[in-house]
Amino acid sequence: MEIDTLRKALEWSTVLHYAVATIWFIAYRRHRRWYGGLIERLFGLSKAEVDEQVFLLLGLYKIGILLFFLIPSIALRIAS
């Protein structure tokens, strides 16, 4: 695989993963009461704890996107 092809694949993966993160955020914000109530009944967490966990996972997902897709694509762009 050529470096340019890999760089383009990483850039498109970054865009797609950020789209997934955006959809996740919008879906959670729109259905917050339903999802919070479901998790509250299943696991005994309060709605504030559910919010905290969802946004923690969303933040970790975004950090993963940066570390595994965006930074390598920038490095390949600089190297080529």
C-alpha atoms as a PDB file:
ATOM      1  CA  MET A   1       0.000   0.000   0.000  1.00  0.00           C
ATOM      2  CA  GLU A   2       1.331   3.402  -0.908  1.00  0.00           C
ATOM      3  CA  ILE A   3       1.696   6.148   1.662  1.00  0.00           C
ATOM      4  CA  ASP A   4      -0.708   8.440  -0.187  1.00  0.00           C
ATOM      5  CA  THR A   5      -3.409   5.757  -0.245  1.00  0.00           C
ATOM      6  CA  LEU A   6      -2.950   5.082   3.457  1.00  0.00           C
ATOM      7  CA  ARG A   7      -3.108   8.794   4.265  1.00  0.00           C
ATOM      8  CA  LYS A   8      -6.349   9.206   2.313  1.00  0.00           C
ATOM      9  CA  ALA A   9      -7.854   6.170   4.022  1.00  0.00           C
ATOM     10  CA  LEU A  10      -6.937   7.570   7.443  1.00  0.00           C
ATOM     11  CA  GLU A  11      -8.414  10.957   6.562  1.00  0.00           C
ATOM     12  CA  TRP A  12     -11.702   9.417   5.394  1.00  0.00           C
ATOM     13  CA  SER A  13     -11.801   7.225   8.496  1.00  0.00           C
ATOM     14  CA  THR A  14     -11.382  10.342  10.620  1.00  0.00           C
ATOM     15  CA  VAL A  15     -14.297  12.031   8.870  1.00  0.00           C
ATOM     16  CA  LEU A  16     -16.524   8.963   9.217  1.00  0.00           C
ATOM     17  CA  HIS A  17     -15.691   8.462  12.892  1.00  0.00           C
ATOM     18  CA  TYR A  18     -16.402  12.106  13.681  1.00  0.00           C
ATOM     19  CA  ALA A  19     -19.743  11.700  11.864  1.00  0.00           C
ATOM     20  CA  VAL A  20     -20.515   8.709  14.101  1.00  0.00           C
ATOM     21  CA  ALA A  21     -19.585  10.727  17.200  1.00  0.00           C
ATOM     22  CA  THR A  22     -21.817  13.591  16.068  1.00  0.00           C
ATOM     23  CA  ILE A  23     -24.751  11.271  15.396  1.00  0.00           C
ATOM     24  CA  TRP A  24     -24.199   9.626  18.793  1.00  0.00           C
ATOM     25  CA  PHE A  25     -24.267  13.037  20.516  1.00  0.00           C
ATOM     26  CA  ILE A  26     -27.388  14.214  18.664  1.00  0.00           C
ATOM     27  CA  ALA A  27     -29.225  10.925  19.249  1.00  0.00           C
ATOM     28  CA  TYR A  28     -28.375  10.949  22.944  1.00  0.00           C
ATOM     29  CA  ARG A  29     -29.454  14.568  23.389  1.00  0.00           C
ATOM     30  CA  ARG A  30     -32.760  13.946  21.592  1.00  0.00           C
ATOM     31  CA  HIS A  31     -33.592  10.717  23.503  1.00  0.00           C
ATOM     32  CA  ARG A  32     -31.971  11.580  26.816  1.00  0.00           C
ATOM     33  CA  ARG A  33     -35.029  10.992  29.009  1.00  0.00           C
ATOM     34  CA  TRP A  34     -35.828   7.611  27.508  1.00  0.00           C
ATOM     35  CA  TYR A  35     -32.215   6.378  27.588  1.00  0.00           C
ATOM     36  CA  GLY A  36     -31.601   7.784  31.074  1.00  0.00           C
ATOM     37  CA  GLY A  37     -34.749   6.103  32.381  1.00  0.00           C
ATOM     38  CA  LEU A  38     -33.799   2.791  30.779  1.00  0.00           C
ATOM     39  CA  ILE A  39     -30.305   2.779  32.260  1.00  0.00           C
ATOM     40  CA  GLU A  40     -31.667   3.966  35.604  1.00  0.00           C
ATOM     41  CA  ARG A  41     -34.037   0.981  35.734  1.00  0.00           C
ATOM     42  CA  LEU A  42     -31.480  -1.565  34.487  1.00  0.00           C
ATOM     43  CA  PHE A  43     -28.386  -0.541  36.429  1.00  0.00           C
ATOM     44  CA  GLY A  44     -29.640   1.711  39.210  1.00  0.00           C
ATOM     45  CA  LEU A  45     -27.692   4.758  38.039  1.00  0.00           C
ATOM     46  CA  SER A  46     -29.080   8.248  38.419  1.00  0.00           C
ATOM     47  CA  LYS A  47     -29.647  10.344  35.317  1.00  0.00           C
ATOM     48  CA  ALA A  48     -26.689  12.552  36.261  1.00  0.00           C
ATOM     49  CA  GLU A  49     -24.454   9.464  36.418  1.00  0.00           C
ATOM     50  CA  VAL A  50     -25.766   8.290  33.040  1.00  0.00           C
ATOM     51  CA  ASP A  51     -24.949  11.706  31.544  1.00  0.00           C
ATOM     52  CA  GLU A  52     -21.483  11.544  33.059  1.00  0.00           C
ATOM     53  CA  GLN A  53     -20.794   8.069  31.675  1.00  0.00           C
ATOM     54  CA  VAL A  54     -22.129   8.836  28.196  1.00  0.00           C
ATOM     55  CA  PHE A  55     -20.053  11.989  27.860  1.00  0.00           C
ATOM     56  CA  LEU A  56     -16.995  10.226  29.296  1.00  0.00           C
ATOM     57  CA  LEU A  57     -17.314   7.494  26.660  1.00  0.00           C
ATOM     58  CA  LEU A  58     -17.890  10.070  23.932  1.00  0.00           C
ATOM     59  CA  GLY A  59     -14.750  11.919  25.026  1.00  0.00           C
ATOM     60  CA  LEU A  60     -12.702   8.719  25.054  1.00  0.00           C
ATOM     61  CA  TYR A  61     -14.005   7.889  21.570  1.00  0.00           C
ATOM     62  CA  LYS A  62     -12.912  11.302  20.300  1.00  0.00           C
ATOM     63  CA  ILE A  63      -9.465  10.897  21.866  1.00  0.00           C
ATOM     64  CA  GLY A  64      -9.188   7.509  20.154  1.00  0.00           C
ATOM     65  CA  ILE A  65     -10.066   9.091  16.820  1.00  0.00           C
ATOM     66  CA  LEU A  66      -7.337  11.673  17.326  1.00  0.00           C
ATOM     67  CA  LEU A  67      -4.704   9.137  18.349  1.00  0.00           C
ATOM     68  CA  PHE A  68      -5.416   6.425  15.785  1.00  0.00           C
ATOM     69  CA  PHE A  69      -6.625   8.333  12.718  1.00  0.00           C
ATOM     70  CA  LEU A  70      -6.010  12.079  12.697  1.00  0.00           C
ATOM     71  CA  ILE A  71      -2.468  12.256  14.086  1.00  0.00           C
ATOM     72  CA  PRO A  72      -1.138   9.438  11.832  1.00  0.00           C
ATOM     73  CA  SER A  73      -2.707  11.079   8.770  1.00  0.00           C
ATOM     74  CA  ILE A  74      -1.076  14.409   9.675  1.00  0.00           C
ATOM     75  CA  ALA A  75       2.255  12.647  10.194  1.00  0.00           C
ATOM     76  CA  LEU A  76       1.980  10.974   6.773  1.00  0.00           C
ATOM     77  CA  ARG A  77       1.069  14.293   5.177  1.00  0.00           C
ATOM     78  CA  ILE A  78       4.188  15.890   6.717  1.00  0.00           C
ATOM     79  CA  ALA A  79       6.377  12.932   5.744  1.00  0.00           C
ATOM     80  CA  SER A  80       5.268  12.846   2.114  1.00  0.00           C
END
